[in-house]
């Protein structure tokens, strides 16, 4: 990490890591699962409850069930040991680029659209777009994973916190349609908020 120009901190336990997060400005956490004291899954859960910091699990626990457990706690990525250090660097850079943490920005930008996450405001050029709280949350979830296709199930869970999927597809679809009316120059020909048939939705990078 230092060779790539990053400032790196290390912690020998989950509890020490959480204390470090409250005393230093940290943009991303690389976390093992097998830790003395509080394990990595509990640490990740604690991070995600109180902070908006991306987390990558880097663990020798390589079963599919381990990966699923890690991602279900809110981790943004999971890398199995042994690992290629260049792959780790590339994934770190990708996450920092998508979250904006790498350059300490609180604004997600694509084309003429800006999402001010510190103020929960959205602008098209200099004009503020009035969104409902749930429309904003949905757009922010998509914006934090710019260009990633996100399924309606994950959007429902992350934006609404729903675990019950009954009627969830329609909830997401209706709010996507409302967002297009508000943020797209031509909602019938969207360029920002795109549908990937059978996969989900994404907020696209627009030059």
N, C-alpha and C. Protein backbone atom coordinates (compact mmCIF):
# COMPACT_ATOMS: atom_id res chain seq x y z
N UNK A 1 0.83 -1.21 0.00
CA UNK A 1 0.00 0.00 0.00
C UNK A 1 0.86 1.26 0.00
N UNK A 2 1.91 1.24 0.81
CA UNK A 2 2.80 2.40 0.87
C UNK A 2 3.51 2.62 -0.46
N UNK A 3 3.88 1.53 -1.13
CA UNK A 3 4.53 1.65 -2.43
C UNK A 3 3.61 2.32 -3.46
N UNK A 4 2.29 2.19 -3.24
CA UNK A 4 1.31 2.79 -4.17
C UNK A 4 0.93 4.21 -3.76
N UNK A 5 1.55 4.72 -2.70
CA UNK A 5 1.29 6.09 -2.28
C UNK A 5 0.23 6.24 -1.21
N UNK A 6 -0.25 5.12 -0.65
CA UNK A 6 -1.27 5.19 0.40
C UNK A 6 -0.61 5.24 1.77
N UNK A 7 -1.27 5.87 2.71
CA UNK A 7 -0.87 5.80 4.11
C UNK A 7 -1.60 4.62 4.72
N UNK A 8 -0.86 3.69 5.30
CA UNK A 8 -1.47 2.46 5.82
C UNK A 8 -1.32 2.37 7.33
N UNK A 9 -2.39 1.94 7.99
CA UNK A 9 -2.37 1.67 9.43
C UNK A 9 -2.63 0.18 9.62
N UNK A 10 -2.15 -0.37 10.71
CA UNK A 10 -2.42 -1.78 10.99
C UNK A 10 -2.92 -1.92 12.42
N UNK A 11 -3.72 -2.96 12.63
CA UNK A 11 -4.26 -3.24 13.95
C UNK A 11 -4.19 -4.74 14.20
N UNK A 12 -3.87 -5.13 15.42
CA UNK A 12 -3.69 -6.55 15.73
C UNK A 12 -4.95 -7.26 16.18
N UNK A 13 -6.03 -6.51 16.36
CA UNK A 13 -7.30 -7.13 16.79
C UNK A 13 -8.46 -6.29 16.27
N UNK A 14 -9.64 -6.89 16.32
CA UNK A 14 -10.82 -6.15 15.87
C UNK A 14 -11.09 -4.93 16.72
N UNK A 15 -10.94 -5.07 18.03
CA UNK A 15 -11.19 -3.95 18.92
C UNK A 15 -10.21 -2.81 18.66
N UNK A 16 -8.94 -3.17 18.44
CA UNK A 16 -7.93 -2.15 18.14
C UNK A 16 -8.24 -1.46 16.82
N UNK A 17 -8.70 -2.23 15.85
CA UNK A 17 -9.05 -1.65 14.56
C UNK A 17 -10.18 -0.64 14.66
N UNK A 18 -11.20 -0.95 15.45
CA UNK A 18 -12.32 -0.03 15.62
C UNK A 18 -11.88 1.25 16.33
N UNK A 19 -11.00 1.11 17.30
CA UNK A 19 -10.48 2.32 17.97
C UNK A 19 -9.70 3.17 16.98
N UNK A 20 -8.94 2.52 16.11
CA UNK A 20 -8.16 3.24 15.11
C UNK A 20 -9.06 4.03 14.16
N UNK A 21 -10.18 3.42 13.80
CA UNK A 21 -11.11 4.09 12.89
C UNK A 21 -11.68 5.37 13.48
N UNK A 22 -11.76 5.43 14.79
CA UNK A 22 -12.31 6.62 15.44
C UNK A 22 -11.25 7.67 15.75
N UNK A 23 -9.98 7.31 15.54
CA UNK A 23 -8.92 8.26 15.84
C UNK A 23 -8.18 8.76 14.59
N UNK A 24 -8.36 8.06 13.46
CA UNK A 24 -7.68 8.42 12.23
C UNK A 24 -8.69 8.60 11.10
N UNK A 25 -8.28 9.33 10.06
CA UNK A 25 -9.12 9.47 8.86
C UNK A 25 -8.81 8.30 7.93
N UNK A 26 -9.75 7.38 7.84
CA UNK A 26 -9.55 6.14 7.09
C UNK A 26 -10.54 6.08 5.94
N UNK A 27 -10.04 5.73 4.75
CA UNK A 27 -10.88 5.70 3.55
C UNK A 27 -11.35 4.30 3.18
N UNK A 28 -10.64 3.26 3.63
CA UNK A 28 -10.98 1.89 3.26
C UNK A 28 -10.37 0.95 4.27
N UNK A 29 -11.06 -0.16 4.55
CA UNK A 29 -10.57 -1.15 5.51
C UNK A 29 -10.36 -2.48 4.80
N UNK A 30 -9.17 -3.08 5.00
CA UNK A 30 -8.90 -4.45 4.57
C UNK A 30 -8.91 -5.30 5.82
N UNK A 31 -9.78 -6.30 5.84
CA UNK A 31 -10.13 -6.97 7.09
C UNK A 31 -10.04 -8.48 6.95
N UNK A 32 -9.38 -9.13 7.91
CA UNK A 32 -9.39 -10.59 7.98
C UNK A 32 -10.61 -11.02 8.80
N UNK A 33 -10.99 -12.28 8.66
CA UNK A 33 -12.09 -12.79 9.47
C UNK A 33 -11.58 -13.36 10.78
N UNK A 34 -10.49 -14.14 10.70
CA UNK A 34 -9.92 -14.77 11.88
C UNK A 34 -9.05 -13.77 12.64
N UNK A 35 -9.63 -13.15 13.65
CA UNK A 35 -8.93 -12.15 14.45
C UNK A 35 -9.04 -12.52 15.93
N UNK A 36 -8.05 -12.15 16.72
CA UNK A 36 -8.19 -12.35 18.17
C UNK A 36 -9.29 -11.47 18.72
N UNK A 37 -10.04 -12.00 19.68
CA UNK A 37 -11.15 -11.22 20.24
C UNK A 37 -12.32 -11.17 19.27
N UNK A 38 -12.79 -9.99 18.96
CA UNK A 38 -13.89 -9.80 18.03
C UNK A 38 -13.48 -10.24 16.64
N UNK A 39 -14.25 -11.15 16.02
CA UNK A 39 -13.86 -11.61 14.69
C UNK A 39 -14.21 -10.57 13.62
N UNK A 40 -13.68 -10.79 12.41
CA UNK A 40 -13.83 -9.82 11.34
C UNK A 40 -15.27 -9.58 10.92
N UNK A 41 -16.12 -10.60 11.02
CA UNK A 41 -17.52 -10.42 10.64
C UNK A 41 -18.20 -9.41 11.57
N UNK A 42 -17.92 -9.52 12.86
CA UNK A 42 -18.50 -8.58 13.82
C UNK A 42 -17.92 -7.18 13.65
N UNK A 43 -16.62 -7.12 13.33
CA UNK A 43 -15.99 -5.81 13.08
C UNK A 43 -16.64 -5.14 11.88
N UNK A 44 -16.82 -5.90 10.80
CA UNK A 44 -17.43 -5.33 9.59
C UNK A 44 -18.84 -4.85 9.89
N UNK A 45 -19.59 -5.64 10.63
CA UNK A 45 -20.96 -5.26 10.98
C UNK A 45 -20.96 -3.95 11.77
N UNK A 46 -20.02 -3.81 12.69
CA UNK A 46 -19.93 -2.58 13.49
C UNK A 46 -19.55 -1.39 12.61
N UNK A 47 -18.63 -1.59 11.67
CA UNK A 47 -18.23 -0.50 10.78
C UNK A 47 -19.42 -0.02 9.96
N UNK A 48 -20.13 -0.97 9.37
CA UNK A 48 -21.21 -0.62 8.46
C UNK A 48 -22.41 0.00 9.18
N UNK A 49 -22.54 -0.26 10.47
CA UNK A 49 -23.64 0.34 11.24
C UNK A 49 -23.43 1.83 11.47
N UNK A 50 -22.17 2.25 11.54
CA UNK A 50 -21.89 3.63 11.97
C UNK A 50 -21.11 4.46 10.96
N UNK A 51 -20.53 3.82 9.94
CA UNK A 51 -19.65 4.56 9.02
C UNK A 51 -19.94 4.17 7.57
N UNK A 52 -19.59 5.06 6.67
CA UNK A 52 -19.69 4.78 5.24
C UNK A 52 -18.28 4.58 4.69
N UNK A 53 -17.67 3.46 5.09
CA UNK A 53 -16.31 3.13 4.68
C UNK A 53 -16.34 1.79 3.96
N UNK A 54 -15.77 1.69 2.77
CA UNK A 54 -15.73 0.39 2.08
C UNK A 54 -14.83 -0.60 2.82
N UNK A 55 -15.24 -1.87 2.78
CA UNK A 55 -14.51 -2.94 3.46
C UNK A 55 -14.22 -4.06 2.48
N UNK A 56 -12.96 -4.51 2.46
CA UNK A 56 -12.57 -5.68 1.68
C UNK A 56 -12.14 -6.76 2.66
N UNK A 57 -12.77 -7.94 2.58
CA UNK A 57 -12.29 -9.07 3.35
C UNK A 57 -11.13 -9.72 2.61
N UNK A 58 -10.06 -10.02 3.33
CA UNK A 58 -8.89 -10.71 2.80
C UNK A 58 -8.64 -11.88 3.75
N UNK A 59 -9.05 -13.08 3.35
CA UNK A 59 -9.12 -14.17 4.32
C UNK A 59 -8.73 -15.50 3.71
N UNK A 60 -8.17 -16.37 4.55
CA UNK A 60 -7.87 -17.74 4.16
C UNK A 60 -9.12 -18.61 4.18
N UNK A 61 -10.19 -18.11 4.75
CA UNK A 61 -11.46 -18.85 4.75
C UNK A 61 -12.07 -18.72 3.36
N UNK A 62 -11.96 -19.79 2.57
CA UNK A 62 -12.22 -19.68 1.14
C UNK A 62 -13.44 -20.45 0.66
N UNK A 63 -14.25 -20.95 1.59
CA UNK A 63 -15.48 -21.63 1.17
C UNK A 63 -16.51 -20.61 0.69
N UNK A 64 -17.37 -21.05 -0.23
CA UNK A 64 -18.41 -20.14 -0.72
C UNK A 64 -19.25 -19.59 0.42
N UNK A 65 -19.50 -20.43 1.44
CA UNK A 65 -20.31 -19.98 2.57
C UNK A 65 -19.61 -18.86 3.34
N UNK A 66 -18.26 -18.90 3.38
CA UNK A 66 -17.52 -17.82 4.04
C UNK A 66 -17.65 -16.52 3.27
N UNK A 67 -17.54 -16.61 1.94
CA UNK A 67 -17.66 -15.43 1.10
C UNK A 67 -19.05 -14.81 1.25
N UNK A 68 -20.08 -15.66 1.23
CA UNK A 68 -21.45 -15.17 1.37
C UNK A 68 -21.65 -14.50 2.73
N UNK A 69 -21.12 -15.12 3.79
CA UNK A 69 -21.25 -14.53 5.13
C UNK A 69 -20.57 -13.17 5.19
N UNK A 70 -19.39 -13.07 4.57
CA UNK A 70 -18.68 -11.79 4.56
C UNK A 70 -19.44 -10.70 3.83
N UNK A 71 -19.98 -11.05 2.68
CA UNK A 71 -20.72 -10.05 1.90
C UNK A 71 -22.03 -9.68 2.57
N UNK A 72 -22.65 -10.65 3.25
CA UNK A 72 -23.92 -10.36 3.92
C UNK A 72 -23.75 -9.40 5.09
N UNK A 73 -22.55 -9.31 5.65
CA UNK A 73 -22.34 -8.35 6.73
C UNK A 73 -22.17 -6.93 6.19
N UNK A 74 -22.11 -6.80 4.86
CA UNK A 74 -21.99 -5.47 4.26
C UNK A 74 -20.66 -5.21 3.60
N UNK A 75 -19.73 -6.19 3.58
CA UNK A 75 -18.45 -5.99 2.93
C UNK A 75 -18.64 -5.71 1.44
N UNK A 76 -17.76 -4.91 0.89
CA UNK A 76 -17.87 -4.52 -0.52
C UNK A 76 -17.14 -5.48 -1.45
N UNK A 77 -16.22 -6.27 -0.91
CA UNK A 77 -15.47 -7.21 -1.74
C UNK A 77 -14.88 -8.28 -0.82
N UNK A 78 -14.49 -9.41 -1.44
CA UNK A 78 -13.92 -10.53 -0.69
C UNK A 78 -12.84 -11.16 -1.53
N UNK A 79 -11.63 -11.25 -0.98
CA UNK A 79 -10.50 -11.84 -1.70
C UNK A 79 -9.99 -13.01 -0.87
N UNK A 80 -9.82 -14.15 -1.53
CA UNK A 80 -9.33 -15.34 -0.85
C UNK A 80 -7.80 -15.37 -0.82
N UNK A 81 -7.24 -15.83 0.30
CA UNK A 81 -5.81 -16.08 0.39
C UNK A 81 -5.53 -17.50 -0.13
N UNK A 82 -4.37 -17.74 -0.73
CA UNK A 82 -3.32 -16.76 -1.10
C UNK A 82 -3.82 -15.85 -2.22
N UNK A 83 -3.27 -14.66 -2.31
CA UNK A 83 -3.78 -13.67 -3.26
C UNK A 83 -2.63 -13.01 -4.00
N UNK A 84 -2.98 -12.44 -5.15
CA UNK A 84 -2.02 -11.67 -5.94
C UNK A 84 -2.08 -10.22 -5.46
N UNK A 85 -0.95 -9.66 -5.05
CA UNK A 85 -0.98 -8.32 -4.46
C UNK A 85 -1.42 -7.27 -5.47
N UNK A 86 -1.16 -7.49 -6.77
CA UNK A 86 -1.62 -6.53 -7.77
C UNK A 86 -3.14 -6.53 -7.87
N UNK A 87 -3.73 -7.70 -7.73
CA UNK A 87 -5.20 -7.77 -7.75
C UNK A 87 -5.79 -7.00 -6.58
N UNK A 88 -5.16 -7.14 -5.41
CA UNK A 88 -5.64 -6.40 -4.24
C UNK A 88 -5.55 -4.90 -4.48
N UNK A 89 -4.44 -4.43 -5.01
CA UNK A 89 -4.27 -3.00 -5.28
C UNK A 89 -5.33 -2.51 -6.26
N UNK A 90 -5.58 -3.27 -7.31
CA UNK A 90 -6.57 -2.87 -8.31
C UNK A 90 -7.97 -2.79 -7.70
N UNK A 91 -8.31 -3.73 -6.84
CA UNK A 91 -9.63 -3.71 -6.21
C UNK A 91 -9.76 -2.54 -5.23
N UNK A 92 -8.67 -2.25 -4.52
CA UNK A 92 -8.68 -1.09 -3.63
C UNK A 92 -8.92 0.19 -4.44
N UNK A 93 -8.18 0.35 -5.52
CA UNK A 93 -8.33 1.55 -6.35
C UNK A 93 -9.73 1.67 -6.92
N UNK A 94 -10.28 0.54 -7.33
CA UNK A 94 -11.63 0.55 -7.90
C UNK A 94 -12.66 1.00 -6.86
N UNK A 95 -12.56 0.45 -5.65
CA UNK A 95 -13.52 0.82 -4.61
C UNK A 95 -13.37 2.29 -4.22
N UNK A 96 -12.15 2.76 -4.10
CA UNK A 96 -11.94 4.16 -3.73
C UNK A 96 -12.45 5.09 -4.82
N UNK A 97 -12.30 4.67 -6.06
CA UNK A 97 -12.80 5.50 -7.16
C UNK A 97 -14.32 5.57 -7.14
N UNK A 98 -15.00 4.43 -6.88
CA UNK A 98 -16.45 4.41 -6.88
C UNK A 98 -17.04 5.14 -5.68
N UNK A 99 -16.37 5.07 -4.54
CA UNK A 99 -16.93 5.73 -3.34
C UNK A 99 -16.52 7.18 -3.23
N UNK A 100 -15.47 7.57 -3.96
CA UNK A 100 -14.96 8.92 -3.84
C UNK A 100 -14.05 9.11 -2.66
N UNK A 101 -13.87 8.06 -1.83
CA UNK A 101 -13.05 8.20 -0.63
C UNK A 101 -11.59 8.45 -0.94
N UNK A 102 -11.14 7.97 -2.08
CA UNK A 102 -9.73 8.10 -2.39
C UNK A 102 -9.29 9.54 -2.54
N UNK A 103 -10.21 10.45 -2.89
CA UNK A 103 -9.86 11.85 -3.03
C UNK A 103 -10.67 12.72 -2.07
N UNK A 104 -11.21 12.05 -1.04
CA UNK A 104 -11.91 12.76 0.04
C UNK A 104 -13.05 13.65 -0.47
N UNK A 105 -13.77 13.15 -1.48
CA UNK A 105 -14.90 13.92 -1.99
C UNK A 105 -16.19 13.45 -1.36
N UNK A 106 -17.11 14.36 -1.19
CA UNK A 106 -18.43 14.00 -0.71
C UNK A 106 -19.46 14.19 -1.81
N UNK A 107 -18.98 14.25 -3.06
CA UNK A 107 -19.85 14.44 -4.21
C UNK A 107 -19.61 13.33 -5.23
N UNK A 108 -20.69 12.70 -5.65
CA UNK A 108 -20.64 11.71 -6.73
C UNK A 108 -21.02 12.43 -8.01
N UNK A 109 -20.18 12.35 -9.02
CA UNK A 109 -20.41 13.08 -10.27
C UNK A 109 -20.50 12.12 -11.45
N UNK A 110 -21.44 12.38 -12.31
CA UNK A 110 -21.51 11.72 -13.60
C UNK A 110 -22.21 12.68 -14.56
N UNK A 111 -21.52 13.02 -15.64
CA UNK A 111 -22.09 13.98 -16.58
C UNK A 111 -22.46 15.29 -15.89
N UNK A 112 -23.69 15.73 -16.09
CA UNK A 112 -24.17 16.98 -15.51
C UNK A 112 -24.86 16.76 -14.16
N UNK A 113 -24.82 15.52 -13.68
CA UNK A 113 -25.51 15.15 -12.44
C UNK A 113 -24.51 15.10 -11.29
N UNK A 114 -24.91 15.69 -10.14
CA UNK A 114 -24.08 15.67 -8.94
C UNK A 114 -24.93 15.23 -7.76
N UNK A 115 -24.39 14.31 -6.98
CA UNK A 115 -25.05 13.84 -5.75
C UNK A 115 -24.19 14.29 -4.58
N UNK A 116 -24.69 15.22 -3.79
CA UNK A 116 -23.96 15.71 -2.61
C UNK A 116 -24.34 14.83 -1.42
N UNK A 117 -23.49 13.86 -1.11
CA UNK A 117 -23.83 12.91 -0.05
C UNK A 117 -23.75 13.53 1.33
N UNK A 118 -22.97 14.59 1.48
CA UNK A 118 -22.87 15.24 2.79
C UNK A 118 -24.13 16.02 3.12
N UNK A 119 -24.84 16.47 2.09
CA UNK A 119 -26.06 17.26 2.30
C UNK A 119 -27.33 16.52 1.86
N UNK A 120 -27.16 15.36 1.26
CA UNK A 120 -28.27 14.60 0.70
C UNK A 120 -29.03 15.47 -0.31
N UNK A 121 -28.27 16.08 -1.21
CA UNK A 121 -28.84 16.93 -2.26
C UNK A 121 -28.37 16.45 -3.62
N UNK A 122 -29.20 16.67 -4.63
CA UNK A 122 -28.89 16.27 -6.00
C UNK A 122 -29.06 17.46 -6.92
N UNK A 123 -28.10 17.64 -7.82
CA UNK A 123 -28.13 18.77 -8.74
C UNK A 123 -27.95 18.30 -10.17
N UNK A 124 -28.66 18.95 -11.08
CA UNK A 124 -28.41 18.79 -12.51
C UNK A 124 -27.91 20.14 -13.00
N UNK A 125 -26.64 20.18 -13.41
CA UNK A 125 -25.94 21.45 -13.58
C UNK A 125 -26.02 22.19 -12.23
N UNK A 126 -26.54 23.39 -12.19
CA UNK A 126 -26.61 24.13 -10.93
C UNK A 126 -28.00 24.11 -10.30
N UNK A 127 -28.92 23.40 -10.92
CA UNK A 127 -30.29 23.38 -10.42
C UNK A 127 -30.51 22.18 -9.52
N UNK A 128 -31.00 22.44 -8.31
CA UNK A 128 -31.26 21.35 -7.39
C UNK A 128 -32.50 20.57 -7.81
N UNK A 129 -32.42 19.26 -7.73
CA UNK A 129 -33.54 18.37 -8.05
C UNK A 129 -34.15 17.92 -6.73
N UNK A 130 -35.43 18.15 -6.57
CA UNK A 130 -36.12 17.78 -5.34
C UNK A 130 -36.52 16.30 -5.41
N UNK A 131 -35.97 15.51 -4.50
CA UNK A 131 -36.29 14.09 -4.44
C UNK A 131 -36.92 13.76 -3.09
N UNK A 132 -37.73 12.73 -3.06
CA UNK A 132 -38.21 12.22 -1.78
C UNK A 132 -37.04 11.52 -1.08
N UNK A 133 -37.12 11.33 0.24
CA UNK A 133 -36.03 10.64 0.94
C UNK A 133 -35.68 9.28 0.35
N UNK A 134 -36.69 8.51 -0.06
CA UNK A 134 -36.40 7.18 -0.61
C UNK A 134 -35.84 7.27 -2.02
N UNK A 135 -36.29 8.24 -2.80
CA UNK A 135 -35.69 8.44 -4.13
C UNK A 135 -34.22 8.80 -4.00
N UNK A 136 -33.93 9.68 -3.02
CA UNK A 136 -32.53 10.05 -2.82
C UNK A 136 -31.71 8.84 -2.39
N UNK A 137 -32.21 8.07 -1.44
CA UNK A 137 -31.46 6.92 -0.93
C UNK A 137 -31.17 5.93 -2.06
N UNK A 138 -32.16 5.69 -2.89
CA UNK A 138 -31.99 4.77 -4.01
C UNK A 138 -30.91 5.28 -4.96
N UNK A 139 -30.95 6.57 -5.27
CA UNK A 139 -29.96 7.15 -6.17
C UNK A 139 -28.56 7.11 -5.55
N UNK A 140 -28.49 7.35 -4.25
CA UNK A 140 -27.18 7.31 -3.58
C UNK A 140 -26.59 5.90 -3.61
N UNK A 141 -27.42 4.90 -3.35
CA UNK A 141 -26.94 3.51 -3.40
C UNK A 141 -26.37 3.19 -4.77
N UNK A 142 -27.07 3.61 -5.82
CA UNK A 142 -26.59 3.39 -7.18
C UNK A 142 -25.32 4.20 -7.45
N UNK A 143 -25.29 5.44 -6.94
CA UNK A 143 -24.15 6.31 -7.19
C UNK A 143 -22.88 5.84 -6.53
N UNK A 144 -23.00 5.21 -5.38
CA UNK A 144 -21.81 4.73 -4.66
C UNK A 144 -21.20 3.51 -5.35
N UNK A 145 -21.94 2.91 -6.26
CA UNK A 145 -21.41 1.80 -7.05
C UNK A 145 -21.55 2.17 -8.54
N UNK A 146 -21.05 3.34 -8.88
CA UNK A 146 -21.20 3.87 -10.24
C UNK A 146 -20.76 2.83 -11.26
N UNK A 147 -21.64 2.58 -12.25
CA UNK A 147 -21.41 1.64 -13.35
C UNK A 147 -21.54 0.18 -12.95
N UNK A 148 -21.86 -0.10 -11.68
CA UNK A 148 -22.11 -1.47 -11.28
C UNK A 148 -23.60 -1.76 -11.47
N UNK A 149 -23.91 -2.93 -12.01
CA UNK A 149 -25.31 -3.35 -12.12
C UNK A 149 -25.73 -3.96 -10.79
N UNK A 150 -26.81 -3.42 -10.22
CA UNK A 150 -27.27 -3.86 -8.89
C UNK A 150 -28.68 -4.42 -9.03
N UNK A 151 -28.88 -5.61 -8.50
CA UNK A 151 -30.19 -6.26 -8.63
C UNK A 151 -31.23 -5.52 -7.81
N UNK A 152 -32.49 -5.72 -8.17
CA UNK A 152 -33.56 -5.06 -7.44
C UNK A 152 -33.61 -5.55 -5.99
N UNK A 153 -33.21 -6.83 -5.76
CA UNK A 153 -33.22 -7.35 -4.40
C UNK A 153 -32.23 -6.59 -3.51
N UNK A 154 -31.03 -6.36 -4.03
CA UNK A 154 -30.02 -5.64 -3.25
C UNK A 154 -30.43 -4.19 -3.06
N UNK A 155 -30.98 -3.57 -4.09
CA UNK A 155 -31.44 -2.19 -3.97
C UNK A 155 -32.53 -2.08 -2.90
N UNK A 156 -33.42 -3.04 -2.89
CA UNK A 156 -34.51 -3.03 -1.90
C UNK A 156 -33.93 -3.13 -0.49
N UNK A 157 -32.93 -3.99 -0.33
CA UNK A 157 -32.34 -4.19 0.99
C UNK A 157 -31.54 -2.96 1.42
N UNK A 158 -30.72 -2.41 0.52
CA UNK A 158 -29.82 -1.32 0.90
C UNK A 158 -30.54 0.02 1.01
N UNK A 159 -31.52 0.26 0.15
CA UNK A 159 -32.21 1.55 0.17
C UNK A 159 -33.38 1.56 1.16
N UNK A 160 -34.11 0.45 1.25
CA UNK A 160 -35.28 0.41 2.12
C UNK A 160 -35.07 -0.39 3.39
N UNK A 161 -34.08 -1.27 3.39
CA UNK A 161 -33.85 -2.13 4.53
C UNK A 161 -34.83 -3.28 4.63
N UNK A 162 -35.47 -3.61 3.50
CA UNK A 162 -36.46 -4.68 3.51
C UNK A 162 -35.80 -6.04 3.32
N UNK A 163 -36.21 -7.02 4.13
CA UNK A 163 -35.78 -8.40 3.95
C UNK A 163 -36.86 -9.21 3.24
N UNK A 164 -38.09 -8.73 3.30
CA UNK A 164 -39.23 -9.41 2.69
C UNK A 164 -39.37 -8.91 1.26
N UNK A 165 -39.22 -9.83 0.29
CA UNK A 165 -39.18 -9.40 -1.11
C UNK A 165 -40.58 -9.25 -1.74
N UNK A 166 -41.65 -9.58 -1.01
CA UNK A 166 -42.98 -9.54 -1.61
C UNK A 166 -43.31 -8.11 -2.07
N UNK A 167 -43.56 -7.96 -3.36
CA UNK A 167 -43.86 -6.65 -3.92
C UNK A 167 -42.64 -5.77 -4.10
N UNK A 168 -41.47 -6.29 -3.74
CA UNK A 168 -40.27 -5.47 -3.79
C UNK A 168 -39.85 -5.05 -5.17
N UNK A 169 -40.02 -5.94 -6.14
CA UNK A 169 -39.63 -5.60 -7.51
C UNK A 169 -40.38 -4.37 -8.00
N UNK A 170 -41.68 -4.30 -7.70
CA UNK A 170 -42.48 -3.16 -8.14
C UNK A 170 -42.10 -1.88 -7.40
N UNK A 171 -41.77 -2.01 -6.11
CA UNK A 171 -41.34 -0.83 -5.35
C UNK A 171 -40.12 -0.20 -6.00
N UNK A 172 -39.14 -1.03 -6.33
CA UNK A 172 -37.93 -0.52 -6.98
C UNK A 172 -38.24 0.04 -8.36
N UNK A 173 -39.03 -0.69 -9.13
CA UNK A 173 -39.33 -0.26 -10.50
C UNK A 173 -40.04 1.09 -10.52
N UNK A 174 -41.00 1.29 -9.64
CA UNK A 174 -41.73 2.55 -9.59
C UNK A 174 -40.81 3.71 -9.23
N UNK A 175 -39.92 3.49 -8.25
CA UNK A 175 -39.01 4.56 -7.85
C UNK A 175 -37.94 4.84 -8.89
N UNK A 176 -37.51 3.83 -9.63
CA UNK A 176 -36.60 4.05 -10.75
C UNK A 176 -37.28 4.92 -11.80
N UNK A 177 -38.53 4.62 -12.08
CA UNK A 177 -39.28 5.41 -13.07
C UNK A 177 -39.43 6.86 -12.62
N UNK A 178 -39.73 7.07 -11.34
CA UNK A 178 -39.85 8.44 -10.81
C UNK A 178 -38.52 9.18 -10.88
N UNK A 179 -37.43 8.47 -10.56
CA UNK A 179 -36.12 9.10 -10.63
C UNK A 179 -35.79 9.53 -12.06
N UNK A 180 -36.12 8.69 -13.03
CA UNK A 180 -35.83 9.03 -14.44
C UNK A 180 -36.56 10.31 -14.85
N UNK A 181 -37.78 10.44 -14.40
CA UNK A 181 -38.54 11.65 -14.73
C UNK A 181 -37.84 12.89 -14.19
N UNK A 182 -37.18 12.75 -13.04
CA UNK A 182 -36.57 13.90 -12.38
C UNK A 182 -35.14 14.18 -12.82
N UNK A 183 -34.37 13.14 -13.18
CA UNK A 183 -32.95 13.37 -13.46
C UNK A 183 -32.56 13.25 -14.92
N UNK A 184 -33.41 12.63 -15.74
CA UNK A 184 -33.04 12.41 -17.14
C UNK A 184 -33.52 13.57 -18.02
N UNK A 185 -32.67 14.05 -18.93
CA UNK A 185 -33.13 15.06 -19.89
C UNK A 185 -34.32 14.54 -20.72
N UNK A 186 -34.27 13.26 -21.08
CA UNK A 186 -35.37 12.61 -21.79
C UNK A 186 -35.63 11.26 -21.13
N UNK A 187 -36.61 11.18 -20.23
CA UNK A 187 -36.85 9.93 -19.49
C UNK A 187 -37.13 8.73 -20.39
N UNK A 188 -37.64 8.97 -21.61
CA UNK A 188 -37.91 7.85 -22.51
C UNK A 188 -36.64 7.30 -23.14
N UNK A 189 -35.55 8.08 -23.08
CA UNK A 189 -34.25 7.65 -23.61
C UNK A 189 -33.19 7.90 -22.53
N UNK A 190 -33.22 7.12 -21.46
CA UNK A 190 -32.33 7.40 -20.33
C UNK A 190 -30.85 7.19 -20.69
N UNK A 191 -30.02 8.07 -20.14
CA UNK A 191 -28.57 7.93 -20.32
C UNK A 191 -27.86 7.78 -18.98
N UNK A 192 -28.52 8.18 -17.89
CA UNK A 192 -27.92 8.06 -16.57
C UNK A 192 -28.36 6.78 -15.85
N UNK A 193 -29.65 6.61 -15.73
CA UNK A 193 -30.21 5.51 -14.95
C UNK A 193 -30.67 4.42 -15.92
N UNK A 194 -29.86 3.37 -16.03
CA UNK A 194 -30.06 2.36 -17.06
C UNK A 194 -30.53 1.03 -16.47
N UNK A 195 -31.30 0.31 -17.28
CA UNK A 195 -31.77 -1.02 -16.92
C UNK A 195 -30.96 -2.06 -17.68
N UNK A 196 -30.43 -3.04 -16.95
CA UNK A 196 -29.79 -4.20 -17.58
C UNK A 196 -30.78 -5.35 -17.45
N UNK A 197 -31.42 -5.71 -18.56
CA UNK A 197 -32.51 -6.67 -18.52
C UNK A 197 -32.08 -7.98 -17.85
N UNK A 198 -32.87 -8.40 -16.86
CA UNK A 198 -32.61 -9.64 -16.17
C UNK A 198 -31.54 -9.55 -15.10
N UNK A 199 -30.88 -8.38 -14.98
CA UNK A 199 -29.79 -8.23 -14.01
C UNK A 199 -30.07 -7.16 -12.97
N UNK A 200 -30.56 -6.01 -13.40
CA UNK A 200 -30.82 -4.95 -12.44
C UNK A 200 -30.65 -3.57 -13.05
N UNK A 201 -30.17 -2.63 -12.23
CA UNK A 201 -30.07 -1.23 -12.66
C UNK A 201 -28.68 -0.70 -12.33
N UNK A 202 -28.30 0.36 -13.05
CA UNK A 202 -27.02 1.01 -12.74
C UNK A 202 -27.13 2.50 -13.03
N UNK A 203 -26.33 3.28 -12.28
CA UNK A 203 -26.13 4.68 -12.60
C UNK A 203 -24.85 4.73 -13.42
N UNK A 204 -24.96 5.19 -14.66
CA UNK A 204 -23.86 5.10 -15.61
C UNK A 204 -22.98 6.33 -15.58
N UNK A 205 -21.72 6.14 -15.90
CA UNK A 205 -20.79 7.25 -16.11
C UNK A 205 -21.13 7.92 -17.44
N UNK A 206 -21.36 9.22 -17.39
CA UNK A 206 -21.66 10.01 -18.59
C UNK A 206 -20.59 11.07 -18.71
N UNK A 207 -20.00 11.19 -19.87
CA UNK A 207 -18.94 12.20 -20.07
C UNK A 207 -19.56 13.59 -20.25
